[in-house]
Amino acid sequence: MSTELEELKEADTLPSVHELIRDRWSPRAFSDRQITRADLATILEAGRWAASSYNEQPWRFFVATKSDPEGFAKLLGLLMPMNQAWAASASVLMLSVAKKNFTHNGQPNRYGLHDAGAALASMFLQATALGLHGHGMGGFDHDRARIELNVPDDYEIGAAAAFGYLGSPDHLPEQMQKMELAKRTRKPLAEIIFATEWQKPLAL
């Protein structure tokens, strides 16, 4: 089933797009197979080398694996119930935060969360290269996360994410099963890529 599902989810891109990008998607169905420490370290290392403004590397990631039941339950408990329902089967949960100000001059860093997102995107692609999948989430209690994880005031709360091996969607609620089995779509480039005038598509 997983192979058929992965084939269904392969993105319909230009042939020149790298297969890692075509194959990356965000499942909700994870198997009980656990990520090894070595693979987790590789995924995190990929995030470490993401690009950032002034090389600030403003991101910090909270990480919990199934081998740490207390930590995993702590991060899982921050998620909204709808996300808890499927993320409980993931192997690893994460939550990102980003430093609000540049270290070298103390000025506001408007790109902190952007750069944290770039780090997470690098992790997703590295996970795909290892035969894993990642799923980002905005559905969690930001206020509780700050309190329960002791996040300093000079860090902004980012996004949550789940990582694991693809599993069968059979155990998911019916609506989620439909989403898992639906073909992936994206807006055409003409709607999102402009030349130097608003809503004037770039000629390609």
C-alpha atoms as a PDB file:
ATOM      1  CA  MET A   1       0.000   0.000   0.000  1.00  0.00           C
ATOM      2  CA  SER A   2       2.769   2.457   0.905  1.00  0.00           C
ATOM      3  CA  THR A   3       4.445   2.079  -2.504  1.00  0.00           C
ATOM      4  CA  GLU A   4       1.131   2.649  -4.300  1.00  0.00           C
ATOM      5  CA  LEU A   5       0.423   5.657  -2.093  1.00  0.00           C
ATOM      6  CA  GLU A   6       3.852   7.139  -2.717  1.00  0.00           C
ATOM      7  CA  GLU A   7       3.365   6.722  -6.469  1.00  0.00           C
ATOM      8  CA  LEU A   8      -0.040   8.406  -6.218  1.00  0.00           C
ATOM      9  CA  LYS A   9       1.457  11.314  -4.273  1.00  0.00           C
ATOM     10  CA  GLU A  10       4.366  11.962  -6.631  1.00  0.00           C
ATOM     11  CA  ALA A  11       4.085  15.591  -7.727  1.00  0.00           C
ATOM     12  CA  ASP A  12       3.212  16.358 -11.334  1.00  0.00           C
ATOM     13  CA  THR A  13       6.106  18.743 -11.969  1.00  0.00           C
ATOM     14  CA  LEU A  14       8.333  19.697 -14.839  1.00  0.00           C
ATOM     15  CA  PRO A  15      10.569  16.684 -15.585  1.00  0.00           C
ATOM     16  CA  SER A  16      13.631  18.750 -14.656  1.00  0.00           C
ATOM     17  CA  VAL A  17      12.541  19.111 -10.993  1.00  0.00           C
ATOM     18  CA  HIS A  18      14.589  16.912  -8.662  1.00  0.00           C
ATOM     19  CA  GLU A  19      12.938  13.691  -7.536  1.00  0.00           C
ATOM     20  CA  LEU A  20      13.346  14.618  -3.858  1.00  0.00           C
ATOM     21  CA  ILE A  21      10.999  17.556  -4.429  1.00  0.00           C
ATOM     22  CA  ARG A  22       8.570  15.449  -6.448  1.00  0.00           C
ATOM     23  CA  ASP A  23       8.501  12.752  -3.761  1.00  0.00           C
ATOM     24  CA  ARG A  24       8.235  15.006  -0.695  1.00  0.00           C
ATOM     25  CA  TRP A  25       4.750  15.214   0.750  1.00  0.00           C
ATOM     26  CA  SER A  26       3.093  15.468   4.165  1.00  0.00           C
ATOM     27  CA  PRO A  27       1.328  12.262   5.221  1.00  0.00           C
ATOM     28  CA  ARG A  28      -0.758  11.794   8.320  1.00  0.00           C
ATOM     29  CA  ALA A  29      -0.405   8.018   8.345  1.00  0.00           C
ATOM     30  CA  PHE A  30       2.825   6.823   9.939  1.00  0.00           C
ATOM     31  CA  SER A  31       3.939   3.271  10.691  1.00  0.00           C
ATOM     32  CA  ASP A  32       5.275   2.056  14.034  1.00  0.00           C
ATOM     33  CA  ARG A  33       8.787   1.755  12.588  1.00  0.00           C
ATOM     34  CA  GLN A  34      11.060   4.098  14.503  1.00  0.00           C
ATOM     35  CA  ILE A  35      13.672   6.472  13.147  1.00  0.00           C
ATOM     36  CA  THR A  36      17.213   5.505  14.104  1.00  0.00           C
ATOM     37  CA  ARG A  37      19.368   7.945  16.042  1.00  0.00           C
ATOM     38  CA  ALA A  38      21.745   8.115  13.094  1.00  0.00           C
ATOM     39  CA  ASP A  39      18.981   9.058  10.649  1.00  0.00           C
ATOM     40  CA  LEU A  40      17.545  11.605  13.079  1.00  0.00           C
ATOM     41  CA  ALA A  41      21.004  13.171  13.455  1.00  0.00           C
ATOM     42  CA  THR A  42      21.282  13.340   9.657  1.00  0.00           C
ATOM     43  CA  ILE A  43      17.894  15.072   9.364  1.00  0.00           C
ATOM     44  CA  LEU A  44      18.837  17.603  12.041  1.00  0.00           C
ATOM     45  CA  GLU A  45      22.225  18.183  10.438  1.00  0.00           C
ATOM     46  CA  ALA A  46      20.488  19.027   7.164  1.00  0.00           C
ATOM     47  CA  GLY A  47      18.511  21.696   9.015  1.00  0.00           C
ATOM     48  CA  ARG A  48      21.677  23.039  10.611  1.00  0.00           C
ATOM     49  CA  TRP A  49      23.098  23.867   7.186  1.00  0.00           C
ATOM     50  CA  ALA A  50      20.085  25.812   5.908  1.00  0.00           C
ATOM     51  CA  ALA A  51      20.625  29.361   4.669  1.00  0.00           C
ATOM     52  CA  SER A  52      19.872  32.277   6.992  1.00  0.00           C
ATOM     53  CA  SER A  53      20.147  36.052   6.962  1.00  0.00           C
ATOM     54  CA  TYR A  54      23.631  37.139   8.146  1.00  0.00           C
ATOM     55  CA  ASN A  55      24.226  33.453   8.926  1.00  0.00           C
ATOM     56  CA  GLU A  56      22.323  34.134  12.143  1.00  0.00           C
ATOM     57  CA  GLN A  57      20.885  30.597  12.294  1.00  0.00           C
ATOM     58  CA  PRO A  58      18.017  31.946  14.439  1.00  0.00           C
ATOM     59  CA  TRP A  59      16.216  28.621  14.708  1.00  0.00           C
ATOM     60  CA  ARG A  60      16.029  26.382  17.745  1.00  0.00           C
ATOM     61  CA  PHE A  61      14.210  23.035  17.633  1.00  0.00           C
ATOM     62  CA  PHE A  62      12.617  21.090  20.445  1.00  0.00           C
ATOM     63  CA  VAL A  63      12.749  17.380  19.562  1.00  0.00           C
ATOM     64  CA  ALA A  64      11.165  14.317  21.154  1.00  0.00           C
ATOM     65  CA  THR A  65      11.249  10.701  19.989  1.00  0.00           C
ATOM     66  CA  LYS A  66       9.068   7.729  20.862  1.00  0.00           C
ATOM     67  CA  SER A  67      12.014   6.370  22.884  1.00  0.00           C
ATOM     68  CA  ASP A  68      11.409   9.325  25.243  1.00  0.00           C
ATOM     69  CA  PRO A  69       7.742   8.759  26.161  1.00  0.00           C
ATOM     70  CA  GLU A  70       7.580  11.702  28.567  1.00  0.00           C
ATOM     71  CA  GLY A  71       9.060  14.167  26.104  1.00  0.00           C
ATOM     72  CA  PHE A  72       6.965  12.820  23.236  1.00  0.00           C
ATOM     73  CA  ALA A  73       3.789  13.137  25.293  1.00  0.00           C
ATOM     74  CA  LYS A  74       4.760  16.704  26.208  1.00  0.00           C
ATOM     75  CA  LEU A  75       5.051  17.831  22.580  1.00  0.00           C
ATOM     76  CA  LEU A  76       2.049  15.766  21.497  1.00  0.00           C
ATOM     77  CA  GLY A  77      -0.040  17.372  24.232  1.00  0.00           C
ATOM     78  CA  LEU A  78       0.637  20.817  22.770  1.00  0.00           C
ATOM     79  CA  LEU A  79      -1.003  19.879  19.461  1.00  0.00           C
ATOM     80  CA  MET A  80      -4.644  20.518  18.701  1.00  0.00           C
ATOM     81  CA  PRO A  81      -6.800  17.373  19.120  1.00  0.00           C
ATOM     82  CA  MET A  82      -7.191  16.949  15.335  1.00  0.00           C
ATOM     83  CA  ASN A  83      -3.406  16.807  14.942  1.00  0.00           C
ATOM     84  CA  GLN A  84      -2.914  14.650  18.031  1.00  0.00           C
ATOM     85  CA  ALA A  85      -5.160  12.024  16.431  1.00  0.00           C
ATOM     86  CA  TRP A  86      -2.629  11.231  13.713  1.00  0.00           C
ATOM     87  CA  ALA A  87       0.672  12.650  15.022  1.00  0.00           C
ATOM     88  CA  ALA A  88       0.615  10.167  17.911  1.00  0.00           C
ATOM     89  CA  SER A  89       1.779   7.488  15.469  1.00  0.00           C
ATOM     90  CA  ALA A  90       4.808   9.495  14.276  1.00  0.00           C
ATOM     91  CA  SER A  91       8.312   8.539  15.366  1.00  0.00           C
ATOM     92  CA  VAL A  92       9.551  12.062  16.112  1.00  0.00           C
ATOM     93  CA  LEU A  93       7.863  15.344  17.016  1.00  0.00           C
ATOM     94  CA  MET A  94       9.486  18.764  16.749  1.00  0.00           C
ATOM     95  CA  LEU A  95       8.664  22.380  17.439  1.00  0.00           C
ATOM     96  CA  SER A  96      10.647  25.333  16.116  1.00  0.00           C
ATOM     97  CA  VAL A  97      11.279  28.780  17.542  1.00  0.00           C
ATOM     98  CA  ALA A  98      13.285  31.664  16.085  1.00  0.00           C
ATOM     99  CA  LYS A  99      15.366  34.396  17.711  1.00  0.00           C
ATOM    100  CA  LYS A 100      13.657  37.774  17.191  1.00  0.00           C
ATOM    101  CA  ASN A 101      16.782  39.939  17.029  1.00  0.00           C
ATOM    102  CA  PHE A 102      20.138  39.683  15.307  1.00  0.00           C
ATOM    103  CA  THR A 103      22.974  38.739  17.623  1.00  0.00           C
ATOM    104  CA  HIS A 104      25.562  41.039  16.026  1.00  0.00           C
ATOM    105  CA  ASN A 105      23.604  44.299  16.441  1.00  0.00           C
ATOM    106  CA  GLY A 106      20.451  43.596  18.451  1.00  0.00           C
ATOM    107  CA  GLN A 107      18.205  44.827  15.647  1.00  0.00           C
ATOM    108  CA  PRO A 108      14.917  43.038  14.823  1.00  0.00           C
ATOM    109  CA  ASN A 109      15.356  40.085  12.497  1.00  0.00           C
ATOM    110  CA  ARG A 110      12.315  40.131  10.221  1.00  0.00           C
ATOM    111  CA  TYR A 111      13.477  36.895   8.619  1.00  0.00           C
ATOM    112  CA  GLY A 112      13.845  34.686  11.686  1.00  0.00           C
ATOM    113  CA  LEU A 113      10.753  32.549  11.129  1.00  0.00           C
ATOM    114  CA  HIS A 114      11.429  32.523   7.394  1.00  0.00           C
ATOM    115  CA  ASP A 115      14.876  31.078   8.080  1.00  0.00           C
ATOM    116  CA  ALA A 116      13.509  28.576  10.601  1.00  0.00           C
ATOM    117  CA  GLY A 117      11.113  27.461   7.883  1.00  0.00           C
ATOM    118  CA  ALA A 118      14.039  27.038   5.507  1.00  0.00           C
ATOM    119  CA  ALA A 119      15.747  24.808   8.078  1.00  0.00           C
ATOM    120  CA  LEU A 120      12.590  22.709   8.444  1.00  0.00           C
ATOM    121  CA  ALA A 121      12.262  22.452   4.656  1.00  0.00           C
ATOM    122  CA  SER A 122      15.836  21.126   4.504  1.00  0.00           C
ATOM    123  CA  MET A 123      14.910  18.543   7.135  1.00  0.00           C
ATOM    124  CA  PHE A 124      11.867  17.475   5.129  1.00  0.00           C
ATOM    125  CA  LEU A 125      13.946  16.935   2.007  1.00  0.00           C
ATOM    126  CA  GLN A 126      16.633  15.039   3.926  1.00  0.00           C
ATOM    127  CA  ALA A 127      13.932  12.854   5.470  1.00  0.00           C
ATOM    128  CA  THR A 128      12.612  12.116   1.983  1.00  0.00           C
ATOM    129  CA  ALA A 129      16.112  11.136   0.866  1.00  0.00           C
ATOM    130  CA  LEU A 130      16.225   8.644   3.744  1.00  0.00           C
ATOM    131  CA  GLY A 131      12.867   7.101   2.862  1.00  0.00           C
ATOM    132  CA  LEU A 132      11.003   8.995   5.588  1.00  0.00           C
ATOM    133  CA  HIS A 133       8.356  11.699   5.592  1.00  0.00           C
ATOM    134  CA  GLY A 134       7.726  14.893   7.538  1.00  0.00           C
ATOM    135  CA  HIS A 135       4.545  16.870   8.143  1.00  0.00           C
ATOM    136  CA  GLY A 136       4.537  20.474   9.341  1.00  0.00           C
ATOM    137  CA  MET A 137       1.771  21.823  11.591  1.00  0.00           C
ATOM    138  CA  GLY A 138       0.461  25.172  12.725  1.00  0.00           C
ATOM    139  CA  GLY A 139      -2.285  23.615  14.831  1.00  0.00           C
ATOM    140  CA  PHE A 140      -0.894  23.724  18.357  1.00  0.00           C
ATOM    141  CA  ASP A 141      -1.217  25.874  21.460  1.00  0.00           C
ATOM    142  CA  HIS A 142       1.414  28.580  21.038  1.00  0.00           C
ATOM    143  CA  ASP A 143       0.900  30.076  24.492  1.00  0.00           C
ATOM    144  CA  ARG A 144       1.221  26.738  26.272  1.00  0.00           C
ATOM    145  CA  ALA A 145       4.263  25.892  24.169  1.00  0.00           C
ATOM    146  CA  ARG A 146       6.029  29.026  25.370  1.00  0.00           C
ATOM    147  CA  ILE A 147       5.228  28.267  29.000  1.00  0.00           C
ATOM    148  CA  GLU A 148       5.750  24.497  29.063  1.00  0.00           C
ATOM    149  CA  LEU A 149       8.943  24.576  26.987  1.00  0.00           C
ATOM    150  CA  ASN A 150      10.324  27.664  28.795  1.00  0.00           C
ATOM    151  CA  VAL A 151      10.796  29.590  25.556  1.00  0.00           C
ATOM    152  CA  PRO A 152      12.437  32.986  26.264  1.00  0.00           C
ATOM    153  CA  ASP A 153      10.565  36.159  25.309  1.00  0.00           C
ATOM    154  CA  ASP A 154      13.162  37.028  22.680  1.00  0.00           C
ATOM    155  CA  TYR A 155      12.246  33.931  20.662  1.00  0.00           C
ATOM    156  CA  GLU A 156       9.170  33.648  18.467  1.00  0.00           C
ATOM    157  CA  ILE A 157       7.181  30.416  18.303  1.00  0.00           C
ATOM    158  CA  GLY A 158       7.401  28.769  14.871  1.00  0.00           C
ATOM    159  CA  ALA A 159       5.826  25.522  13.668  1.00  0.00           C
ATOM    160  CA  ALA A 160       5.451  21.941  14.836  1.00  0.00           C
ATOM    161  CA  ALA A 161       6.392  18.916  12.747  1.00  0.00           C
ATOM    162  CA  ALA A 162       6.085  15.142  12.795  1.00  0.00           C
ATOM    163  CA  PHE A 163       8.503  12.676  11.177  1.00  0.00           C
ATOM    164  CA  GLY A 164       8.252   8.972  10.515  1.00  0.00           C
ATOM    165  CA  TYR A 165       7.882   6.162   8.030  1.00  0.00           C
ATOM    166  CA  LEU A 166       4.782   6.017   5.887  1.00  0.00           C
ATOM    167  CA  GLY A 167       2.013   3.796   7.210  1.00  0.00           C
ATOM    168  CA  SER A 168      -1.449   2.709   6.134  1.00  0.00           C
ATOM    169  CA  PRO A 169      -4.171   5.380   6.278  1.00  0.00           C
ATOM    170  CA  ASP A 170      -6.761   2.745   7.259  1.00  0.00           C
ATOM    171  CA  HIS A 171      -6.665   3.717  10.933  1.00  0.00           C
ATOM    172  CA  LEU A 172      -7.291   7.406  10.215  1.00  0.00           C
ATOM    173  CA  PRO A 173     -10.719   9.075  10.407  1.00  0.00           C
ATOM    174  CA  GLU A 174     -12.598   8.869   7.109  1.00  0.00           C
ATOM    175  CA  GLN A 175     -12.043  12.500   6.125  1.00  0.00           C
ATOM    176  CA  MET A 176      -8.298  12.188   6.722  1.00  0.00           C
ATOM    177  CA  GLN A 177      -8.220   8.984   4.681  1.00  0.00           C
ATOM    178  CA  LYS A 178      -9.709  10.888   1.759  1.00  0.00           C
ATOM    179  CA  MET A 179      -7.022  13.545   2.071  1.00  0.00           C
ATOM    180  CA  GLU A 180      -4.297  10.901   2.208  1.00  0.00           C
ATOM    181  CA  LEU A 181      -5.573   9.229  -0.952  1.00  0.00           C
ATOM    182  CA  ALA A 182      -6.183  12.434  -2.916  1.00  0.00           C
ATOM    183  CA  LYS A 183      -3.771  13.418  -5.670  1.00  0.00           C
ATOM    184  CA  ARG A 184      -1.604  16.415  -4.823  1.00  0.00           C
ATOM    185  CA  THR A 185      -2.198  19.713  -6.588  1.00  0.00           C
ATOM    186  CA  ARG A 186      -0.584  23.142  -6.696  1.00  0.00           C
ATOM    187  CA  LYS A 187      -1.513  26.529  -8.113  1.00  0.00           C
ATOM    188  CA  PRO A 188      -0.030  27.186 -11.561  1.00  0.00           C
ATOM    189  CA  LEU A 189       3.141  29.269 -11.715  1.00  0.00           C
ATOM    190  CA  ALA A 190       1.255  32.104 -13.425  1.00  0.00           C
ATOM    191  CA  GLU A 191      -0.769  32.650 -10.241  1.00  0.00           C
ATOM    192  CA  ILE A 192       2.180  32.849  -7.871  1.00  0.00           C
ATOM    193  CA  ILE A 193       5.227  34.014  -9.842  1.00  0.00           C
ATOM    194  CA  PHE A 194       5.165  37.614 -11.050  1.00  0.00           C
ATOM    195  CA  ALA A 195       7.488  39.781 -13.074  1.00  0.00           C
ATOM    196  CA  THR A 196       8.082  43.265 -11.681  1.00  0.00           C
ATOM    197  CA  GLU A 197       4.397  44.176 -11.551  1.00  0.00           C
ATOM    198  CA  TRP A 198       1.712  42.746  -9.228  1.00  0.00           C
ATOM    199  CA  GLN A 199      -0.180  39.844 -10.822  1.00  0.00           C
ATOM    200  CA  LYS A 200       1.741  40.160 -14.064  1.00  0.00           C
ATOM    201  CA  PRO A 201       2.997  36.586 -14.606  1.00  0.00           C
ATOM    202  CA  LEU A 202       6.668  36.091 -15.324  1.00  0.00           C
ATOM    203  CA  ALA A 203       7.165  34.931 -18.912  1.00  0.00           C
ATOM    204  CA  LEU A 204       8.723  31.463 -18.892  1.00  0.00           C
END
